Amino acid sequence: MNKSVGKYDHKDFFNSAAHATISPSENLVLSGNCDGSIYYWNRYKGGLERKVTGHEGSVTAIQYHFMSSLLASADKEGNMILWT
C-alpha cells in the first residue's frame, strides 16, 4: 500500500479535508471540495468527468454505498445529501 497508482487534480479543486471514495464500479474517484461541490475523476484516464454542486458549505464527508450507485455527502454546515 505504498505505491501510488493515480493522481487526480483540477485547477478549481481545493480539498477541504473531505474524504475521498471510489465508485462501486471502480471507474470513478470522487472527493468533495471547499466550494460545496463534488468532483468525479475517471480512475483510468485521470481526467475530470464531472462536477456536481448542491452543498452550501465545504464538503467534509463522502461515501458510496458498497452495492449501489447511491452516494452520501455531508458538509461543514451540517447538511447531508443523498445522490443517485
PDB file of N, CA and C in Angstrom:
ATOM      1  N   MET A   1       0.821  -1.196   0.000  1.00  0.00           N
ATOM      2  CA  MET A   1       0.000   0.000   0.000  1.00  0.00           C
ATOM      3  C   MET A   1       0.860   1.253   0.000  1.00  0.00           C
ATOM      4  N   ASN A   2       2.054   1.188  -0.505  1.00  0.00           N
ATOM      5  CA  ASN A   2       2.884   2.390  -0.548  1.00  0.00           C
ATOM      6  C   ASN A   2       3.241   2.784  -1.975  1.00  0.00           C
ATOM      7  N   LYS A   3       2.498   2.268  -2.959  1.00  0.00           N
ATOM      8  CA  LYS A   3       2.736   2.594  -4.357  1.00  0.00           C
ATOM      9  C   LYS A   3       1.579   3.441  -4.895  1.00  0.00           C
ATOM     10  N   SER A   4       1.880   4.614  -5.391  1.00  0.00           N
ATOM     11  CA  SER A   4       0.868   5.485  -5.972  1.00  0.00           C
ATOM     12  C   SER A   4       0.445   4.929  -7.329  1.00  0.00           C
ATOM     13  N   VAL A   5      -0.863   4.859  -7.566  1.00  0.00           N
ATOM     14  CA  VAL A   5      -1.362   4.341  -8.844  1.00  0.00           C
ATOM     15  C   VAL A   5      -2.178   5.385  -9.614  1.00  0.00           C
ATOM     16  N   GLY A   6      -2.344   6.576  -9.071  1.00  0.00           N
ATOM     17  CA  GLY A   6      -3.069   7.620  -9.770  1.00  0.00           C
ATOM     18  C   GLY A   6      -3.024   8.938  -9.032  1.00  0.00           C
ATOM     19  N   LYS A   7      -3.116  10.016  -9.794  1.00  0.00           N
ATOM     20  CA  LYS A   7      -3.161  11.359  -9.217  1.00  0.00           C
ATOM     21  C   LYS A   7      -4.276  12.114  -9.917  1.00  0.00           C
ATOM     22  N   TYR A   8      -5.132  12.771  -9.134  1.00  0.00           N
ATOM     23  CA  TYR A   8      -6.306  13.434  -9.678  1.00  0.00           C
ATOM     24  C   TYR A   8      -6.364  14.865  -9.152  1.00  0.00           C
ATOM     25  N   ASP A   9      -6.389  15.817 -10.070  1.00  0.00           N
ATOM     26  CA  ASP A   9      -6.469  17.210  -9.652  1.00  0.00           C
ATOM     27  C   ASP A   9      -7.177  18.026 -10.721  1.00  0.00           C
ATOM     28  N   HIS A  10      -7.460  19.258 -10.378  1.00  0.00           N
ATOM     29  CA  HIS A  10      -8.119  20.199 -11.279  1.00  0.00           C
ATOM     30  C   HIS A  10      -7.817  21.594 -10.766  1.00  0.00           C
ATOM     31  N   LYS A  11      -7.750  22.551 -11.649  1.00  0.00           N
ATOM     32  CA  LYS A  11      -7.378  23.917 -11.259  1.00  0.00           C
ATOM     33  C   LYS A  11      -8.328  24.522 -10.233  1.00  0.00           C
ATOM     34  N   ASP A  12      -9.593  24.094 -10.199  1.00  0.00           N
ATOM     35  CA  ASP A  12     -10.573  24.641  -9.263  1.00  0.00           C
ATOM     36  C   ASP A  12     -10.777  23.781  -8.022  1.00  0.00           C
ATOM     37  N   PHE A  13     -10.033  22.695  -7.922  1.00  0.00           N
ATOM     38  CA  PHE A  13     -10.220  21.768  -6.810  1.00  0.00           C
ATOM     39  C   PHE A  13      -9.290  22.116  -5.656  1.00  0.00           C
ATOM     40  N   PHE A  14      -9.891  22.420  -4.500  1.00  0.00           N
ATOM     41  CA  PHE A  14      -9.147  22.719  -3.281  1.00  0.00           C
ATOM     42  C   PHE A  14      -9.781  21.932  -2.147  1.00  0.00           C
ATOM     43  N   ASN A  15      -9.357  20.711  -1.978  1.00  0.00           N
ATOM     44  CA  ASN A  15      -9.941  19.818  -0.981  1.00  0.00           C
ATOM     45  C   ASN A  15      -9.903  20.465   0.389  1.00  0.00           C
ATOM     46  N   SER A  16     -10.983  20.285   1.126  1.00  0.00           N
ATOM     47  CA  SER A  16     -11.083  20.866   2.461  1.00  0.00           C
ATOM     48  C   SER A  16     -11.174  19.765   3.512  1.00  0.00           C
ATOM     49  N   ALA A  17     -10.263  18.843   3.456  1.00  0.00           N
ATOM     50  CA  ALA A  17     -10.204  17.711   4.386  1.00  0.00           C
ATOM     51  C   ALA A  17     -11.394  16.774   4.217  1.00  0.00           C
ATOM     52  N   ALA A  18     -11.976  16.762   3.021  1.00  0.00           N
ATOM     53  CA  ALA A  18     -13.076  15.835   2.733  1.00  0.00           C
ATOM     54  C   ALA A  18     -12.519  14.445   2.498  1.00  0.00           C
ATOM     55  N   HIS A  19     -13.353  13.483   2.747  1.00  0.00           N
ATOM     56  CA  HIS A  19     -12.973  12.123   2.434  1.00  0.00           C
ATOM     57  C   HIS A  19     -13.090  11.913   0.936  1.00  0.00           C
ATOM     58  N   ALA A  20     -12.334  10.988   0.416  1.00  0.00           N
ATOM     59  CA  ALA A  20     -12.443  10.578  -0.978  1.00  0.00           C
ATOM     60  C   ALA A  20     -13.023   9.176  -0.999  1.00  0.00           C
ATOM     61  N   THR A  21     -13.632   8.813  -2.123  1.00  0.00           N
ATOM     62  CA  THR A  21     -14.196   7.477  -2.256  1.00  0.00           C
ATOM     63  C   THR A  21     -14.062   7.010  -3.696  1.00  0.00           C
ATOM     64  N   ILE A  22     -14.176   5.714  -3.894  1.00  0.00           N
ATOM     65  CA  ILE A  22     -14.140   5.107  -5.219  1.00  0.00           C
ATOM     66  C   ILE A  22     -15.511   4.500  -5.479  1.00  0.00           C
ATOM     67  N   SER A  23     -16.026   4.673  -6.686  1.00  0.00           N
ATOM     68  CA  SER A  23     -17.344   4.142  -7.035  1.00  0.00           C
ATOM     69  C   SER A  23     -17.335   2.614  -6.974  1.00  0.00           C
ATOM     70  N   PRO A  24     -18.515   2.004  -6.760  1.00  0.00           N
ATOM     71  CA  PRO A  24     -18.584   0.545  -6.722  1.00  0.00           C
ATOM     72  C   PRO A  24     -18.054  -0.119  -7.997  1.00  0.00           C
ATOM     73  N   SER A  25     -18.183   0.560  -9.140  1.00  0.00           N
ATOM     74  CA  SER A  25     -17.655   0.020 -10.399  1.00  0.00           C
ATOM     75  C   SER A  25     -16.143   0.168 -10.497  1.00  0.00           C
ATOM     76  N   GLU A  26     -15.562   0.941  -9.586  1.00  0.00           N
ATOM     77  CA  GLU A  26     -14.135   1.247  -9.532  1.00  0.00           C
ATOM     78  C   GLU A  26     -13.662   2.099 -10.704  1.00  0.00           C
ATOM     79  N   ASN A  27     -14.589   2.715 -11.436  1.00  0.00           N
ATOM     80  CA  ASN A  27     -14.231   3.566 -12.570  1.00  0.00           C
ATOM     81  C   ASN A  27     -14.034   5.025 -12.195  1.00  0.00           C
ATOM     82  N   LEU A  28     -14.606   5.447 -11.056  1.00  0.00           N
ATOM     83  CA  LEU A  28     -14.564   6.854 -10.671  1.00  0.00           C
ATOM     84  C   LEU A  28     -13.932   7.045  -9.299  1.00  0.00           C
ATOM     85  N   VAL A  29     -13.192   8.131  -9.149  1.00  0.00           N
ATOM     86  CA  VAL A  29     -12.659   8.574  -7.864  1.00  0.00           C
ATOM     87  C   VAL A  29     -13.355   9.895  -7.564  1.00  0.00           C
ATOM     88  N   LEU A  30     -13.922  10.028  -6.373  1.00  0.00           N
ATOM     89  CA  LEU A  30     -14.685  11.212  -6.012  1.00  0.00           C
ATOM     90  C   LEU A  30     -14.123  11.861  -4.760  1.00  0.00           C
ATOM     91  N   SER A  31     -14.260  13.189  -4.697  1.00  0.00           N
ATOM     92  CA  SER A  31     -13.900  13.914  -3.490  1.00  0.00           C
ATOM     93  C   SER A  31     -14.704  15.204  -3.424  1.00  0.00           C
ATOM     94  N   GLY A  32     -14.972  15.644  -2.215  1.00  0.00           N
ATOM     95  CA  GLY A  32     -15.665  16.902  -2.011  1.00  0.00           C
ATOM     96  C   GLY A  32     -14.698  18.066  -2.084  1.00  0.00           C
ATOM     97  N   ASN A  33     -15.235  19.251  -2.286  1.00  0.00           N
ATOM     98  CA  ASN A  33     -14.428  20.454  -2.423  1.00  0.00           C
ATOM     99  C   ASN A  33     -14.906  21.514  -1.428  1.00  0.00           C
ATOM    100  N   CYS A  34     -14.064  22.478  -1.167  1.00  0.00           N
ATOM    101  CA  CYS A  34     -14.403  23.540  -0.215  1.00  0.00           C
ATOM    102  C   CYS A  34     -15.486  24.478  -0.737  1.00  0.00           C
ATOM    103  N   ASP A  35     -15.790  24.444  -2.045  1.00  0.00           N
ATOM    104  CA  ASP A  35     -16.845  25.296  -2.588  1.00  0.00           C
ATOM    105  C   ASP A  35     -18.220  24.625  -2.571  1.00  0.00           C
ATOM    106  N   GLY A  36     -18.338  23.462  -1.923  1.00  0.00           N
ATOM    107  CA  GLY A  36     -19.620  22.767  -1.819  1.00  0.00           C
ATOM    108  C   GLY A  36     -19.905  21.812  -2.958  1.00  0.00           C
ATOM    109  N   SER A  37     -18.938  21.578  -3.824  1.00  0.00           N
ATOM    110  CA  SER A  37     -19.138  20.690  -4.965  1.00  0.00           C
ATOM    111  C   SER A  37     -18.434  19.342  -4.758  1.00  0.00           C
ATOM    112  N   ILE A  38     -18.791  18.391  -5.608  1.00  0.00           N
ATOM    113  CA  ILE A  38     -18.162  17.071  -5.610  1.00  0.00           C
ATOM    114  C   ILE A  38     -17.547  16.857  -6.982  1.00  0.00           C
ATOM    115  N   TYR A  39     -16.295  16.446  -6.993  1.00  0.00           N
ATOM    116  CA  TYR A  39     -15.575  16.193  -8.231  1.00  0.00           C
ATOM    117  C   TYR A  39     -15.514  14.701  -8.504  1.00  0.00           C
ATOM    118  N   TYR A  40     -15.772  14.326  -9.774  1.00  0.00           N
ATOM    119  CA  TYR A  40     -15.707  12.937 -10.235  1.00  0.00           C
ATOM    120  C   TYR A  40     -14.565  12.832 -11.250  1.00  0.00           C
ATOM    121  N   TRP A  41     -13.571  12.029 -10.954  1.00  0.00           N
ATOM    122  CA  TRP A  41     -12.478  11.791 -11.896  1.00  0.00           C
ATOM    123  C   TRP A  41     -12.563  10.386 -12.454  1.00  0.00           C
ATOM    124  N   ASN A  42     -12.188  10.226 -13.727  1.00  0.00           N
ATOM    125  CA  ASN A  42     -12.076   8.907 -14.325  1.00  0.00           C
ATOM    126  C   ASN A  42     -10.816   8.257 -13.766  1.00  0.00           C
ATOM    127  N   ARG A  43     -10.976   7.130 -13.122  1.00  0.00           N
ATOM    128  CA  ARG A  43      -9.846   6.478 -12.456  1.00  0.00           C
ATOM    129  C   ARG A  43      -8.754   6.065 -13.443  1.00  0.00           C
ATOM    130  N   TYR A  44      -9.140   5.673 -14.639  1.00  0.00           N
ATOM    131  CA  TYR A  44      -8.167   5.142 -15.589  1.00  0.00           C
ATOM    132  C   TYR A  44      -7.576   6.216 -16.500  1.00  0.00           C
ATOM    133  N   LYS A  45      -8.382   7.201 -16.884  1.00  0.00           N
ATOM    134  CA  LYS A  45      -7.895   8.272 -17.758  1.00  0.00           C
ATOM    135  C   LYS A  45      -7.313   9.437 -16.970  1.00  0.00           C
ATOM    136  N   GLY A  46      -7.718   9.575 -15.697  1.00  0.00           N
ATOM    137  CA  GLY A  46      -7.210  10.642 -14.852  1.00  0.00           C
ATOM    138  C   GLY A  46      -7.921  11.972 -15.006  1.00  0.00           C
ATOM    139  N   GLY A  47      -8.752  12.111 -16.028  1.00  0.00           N
ATOM    140  CA  GLY A  47      -9.414  13.385 -16.278  1.00  0.00           C
ATOM    141  C   GLY A  47     -10.677  13.578 -15.463  1.00  0.00           C
ATOM    142  N   LEU A  48     -11.039  14.842 -15.287  1.00  0.00           N
ATOM    143  CA  LEU A  48     -12.265  15.184 -14.584  1.00  0.00           C
ATOM    144  C   LEU A  48     -13.454  14.786 -15.449  1.00  0.00           C
ATOM    145  N   GLU A  49     -14.355  13.969 -14.903  1.00  0.00           N
ATOM    146  CA  GLU A  49     -15.551  13.532 -15.618  1.00  0.00           C
ATOM    147  C   GLU A  49     -16.678  14.542 -15.452  1.00  0.00           C
ATOM    148  N   ARG A  50     -16.883  14.995 -14.217  1.00  0.00           N
ATOM    149  CA  ARG A  50     -17.938  15.968 -13.948  1.00  0.00           C
ATOM    150  C   ARG A  50     -17.760  16.568 -12.561  1.00  0.00           C
ATOM    151  N   LYS A  51     -18.496  17.625 -12.356  1.00  0.00           N
ATOM    152  CA  LYS A  51     -18.523  18.320 -11.064  1.00  0.00           C
ATOM    153  C   LYS A  51     -19.989  18.601 -10.764  1.00  0.00           C
ATOM    154  N   VAL A  52     -20.441  18.210  -9.576  1.00  0.00           N
ATOM    155  CA  VAL A  52     -21.823  18.479  -9.189  1.00  0.00           C
ATOM    156  C   VAL A  52     -21.833  19.407  -7.982  1.00  0.00           C
ATOM    157  N   THR A  53     -22.857  20.232  -7.898  1.00  0.00           N
ATOM    158  CA  THR A  53     -22.982  21.169  -6.789  1.00  0.00           C
ATOM    159  C   THR A  53     -24.278  20.900  -6.039  1.00  0.00           C
ATOM    160  N   GLY A  54     -24.345  21.345  -4.807  1.00  0.00           N
ATOM    161  CA  GLY A  54     -25.544  21.163  -4.027  1.00  0.00           C
ATOM    162  C   GLY A  54     -25.354  21.526  -2.568  1.00  0.00           C
ATOM    163  N   HIS A  55     -24.131  21.540  -2.105  1.00  0.00           N
ATOM    164  CA  HIS A  55     -23.860  21.895  -0.712  1.00  0.00           C
ATOM    165  C   HIS A  55     -23.615  23.389  -0.581  1.00  0.00           C
ATOM    166  N   GLU A  56     -23.976  23.921   0.567  1.00  0.00           N
ATOM    167  CA  GLU A  56     -23.745  25.333   0.838  1.00  0.00           C
ATOM    168  C   GLU A  56     -22.387  25.588   1.469  1.00  0.00           C
ATOM    169  N   GLY A  57     -21.830  24.569   2.122  1.00  0.00           N
ATOM    170  CA  GLY A  57     -20.527  24.696   2.757  1.00  0.00           C
ATOM    171  C   GLY A  57     -19.566  23.642   2.244  1.00  0.00           C
ATOM    172  N   SER A  58     -18.362  23.657   2.753  1.00  0.00           N
ATOM    173  CA  SER A  58     -17.334  22.697   2.353  1.00  0.00           C
ATOM    174  C   SER A  58     -17.814  21.268   2.564  1.00  0.00           C
ATOM    175  N   VAL A  59     -17.606  20.421   1.562  1.00  0.00           N
ATOM    176  CA  VAL A  59     -17.965  19.007   1.669  1.00  0.00           C
ATOM    177  C   VAL A  59     -16.899  18.333   2.532  1.00  0.00           C
ATOM    178  N   THR A  60     -17.342  17.752   3.638  1.00  0.00           N
ATOM    179  CA  THR A  60     -16.395  17.179   4.595  1.00  0.00           C
ATOM    180  C   THR A  60     -16.428  15.659   4.648  1.00  0.00           C
ATOM    181  N   ALA A  61     -17.436  15.040   4.042  1.00  0.00           N
ATOM    182  CA  ALA A  61     -17.515  13.575   4.029  1.00  0.00           C
ATOM    183  C   ALA A  61     -18.249  13.130   2.778  1.00  0.00           C
ATOM    184  N   ILE A  62     -17.836  11.982   2.248  1.00  0.00           N
ATOM    185  CA  ILE A  62     -18.445  11.445   1.040  1.00  0.00           C
ATOM    186  C   ILE A  62     -18.255   9.934   1.058  1.00  0.00           C
ATOM    187  N   GLN A  63     -19.344   9.196   0.727  1.00  0.00           N
ATOM    188  CA  GLN A  63     -19.246   7.737   0.770  1.00  0.00           C
ATOM    189  C   GLN A  63     -20.266   7.105  -0.157  1.00  0.00           C
ATOM    190  N   TYR A  64     -19.810   6.181  -1.005  1.00  0.00           N
ATOM    191  CA  TYR A  64     -20.704   5.380  -1.836  1.00  0.00           C
ATOM    192  C   TYR A  64     -21.253   4.222  -1.028  1.00  0.00           C
ATOM    193  N   HIS A  65     -22.475   3.810  -1.354  1.00  0.00           N
ATOM    194  CA  HIS A  65     -22.999   2.560  -0.821  1.00  0.00           C
ATOM    195  C   HIS A  65     -22.276   1.447  -1.567  1.00  0.00           C
ATOM    196  N   PHE A  66     -21.803   0.455  -0.871  1.00  0.00           N
ATOM    197  CA  PHE A  66     -20.935  -0.553  -1.475  1.00  0.00           C
ATOM    198  C   PHE A  66     -21.617  -1.441  -2.510  1.00  0.00           C
ATOM    199  N   MET A  67     -22.953  -1.460  -2.565  1.00  0.00           N
ATOM    200  CA  MET A  67     -23.636  -2.324  -3.527  1.00  0.00           C
ATOM    201  C   MET A  67     -24.540  -1.566  -4.503  1.00  0.00           C
ATOM    202  N   SER A  68     -24.478  -0.248  -4.495  1.00  0.00           N
ATOM    203  CA  SER A  68     -25.369   0.508  -5.378  1.00  0.00           C
ATOM    204  C   SER A  68     -24.674   1.782  -5.849  1.00  0.00           C
ATOM    205  N   SER A  69     -25.434   2.586  -6.578  1.00  0.00           N
ATOM    206  CA  SER A  69     -24.881   3.854  -7.053  1.00  0.00           C
ATOM    207  C   SER A  69     -25.262   5.016  -6.142  1.00  0.00           C
ATOM    208  N   LEU A  70     -25.805   4.736  -4.965  1.00  0.00           N
ATOM    209  CA  LEU A  70     -26.145   5.804  -4.015  1.00  0.00           C
ATOM    210  C   LEU A  70     -24.882   6.381  -3.398  1.00  0.00           C
ATOM    211  N   LEU A  71     -24.834   7.692  -3.348  1.00  0.00           N
ATOM    212  CA  LEU A  71     -23.699   8.407  -2.781  1.00  0.00           C
ATOM    213  C   LEU A  71     -24.224   9.351  -1.706  1.00  0.00           C
ATOM    214  N   ALA A  72     -23.632   9.322  -0.535  1.00  0.00           N
ATOM    215  CA  ALA A  72     -23.996  10.242   0.537  1.00  0.00           C
ATOM    216  C   ALA A  72     -22.857  11.229   0.728  1.00  0.00           C
ATOM    217  N   SER A  73     -23.215  12.498   0.917  1.00  0.00           N
ATOM    218  CA  SER A  73     -22.206  13.518   1.194  1.00  0.00           C
ATOM    219  C   SER A  73     -22.715  14.432   2.294  1.00  0.00           C
ATOM    220  N   ALA A  74     -21.795  14.981   3.050  1.00  0.00           N
ATOM    221  CA  ALA A  74     -22.137  15.897   4.143  1.00  0.00           C
ATOM    222  C   ALA A  74     -21.233  17.117   4.052  1.00  0.00           C
ATOM    223  N   ASP A  75     -21.742  18.236   4.573  1.00  0.00           N
ATOM    224  CA  ASP A  75     -20.937  19.454   4.525  1.00  0.00           C
ATOM    225  C   ASP A  75     -20.699  20.022   5.917  1.00  0.00           C
ATOM    226  N   LYS A  76     -19.867  21.033   5.945  1.00  0.00           N
ATOM    227  CA  LYS A  76     -19.450  21.675   7.193  1.00  0.00           C
ATOM    228  C   LYS A  76     -20.610  22.343   7.924  1.00  0.00           C
ATOM    229  N   GLU A  77     -21.665  22.670   7.189  1.00  0.00           N
ATOM    230  CA  GLU A  77     -22.831  23.335   7.770  1.00  0.00           C
ATOM    231  C   GLU A  77     -23.789  22.356   8.443  1.00  0.00           C
ATOM    232  N   GLY A  78     -23.516  21.054   8.343  1.00  0.00           N
ATOM    233  CA  GLY A  78     -24.367  20.046   8.962  1.00  0.00           C
ATOM    234  C   GLY A  78     -25.427  19.458   8.045  1.00  0.00           C
ATOM    235  N   ASN A  79     -25.339  19.728   6.751  1.00  0.00           N
ATOM    236  CA  ASN A  79     -26.294  19.195   5.784  1.00  0.00           C
ATOM    237  C   ASN A  79     -25.772  17.903   5.173  1.00  0.00           C
ATOM    238  N   MET A  80     -26.688  16.988   4.850  1.00  0.00           N
ATOM    239  CA  MET A  80     -26.320  15.760   4.168  1.00  0.00           C
ATOM    240  C   MET A  80     -27.199  15.609   2.937  1.00  0.00           C
ATOM    241  N   ILE A  81     -26.601  15.150   1.835  1.00  0.00           N
ATOM    242  CA  ILE A  81     -27.323  14.943   0.579  1.00  0.00           C
ATOM    243  C   ILE A  81     -27.105  13.502   0.149  1.00  0.00           C
ATOM    244  N   LEU A  82     -28.173  12.870  -0.339  1.00  0.00           N
ATOM    245  CA  LEU A  82     -28.099  11.541  -0.919  1.00  0.00           C
ATOM    246  C   LEU A  82     -28.251  11.705  -2.433  1.00  0.00           C
ATOM    247  N   TRP A  83     -27.275  11.212  -3.175  1.00  0.00           N
ATOM    248  CA  TRP A  83     -27.225  11.377  -4.634  1.00  0.00           C
ATOM    249  C   TRP A  83     -27.473  10.029  -5.308  1.00  0.00           C
ATOM    250  N   THR A  84     -28.058  10.063  -6.508  1.00  0.00           N
ATOM    251  CA  THR A  84     -28.209   8.857  -7.316  1.00  0.00           C
ATOM    252  C   THR A  84     -27.565   9.064  -8.667  1.00  0.00           C
TER     253      THR A  84
END
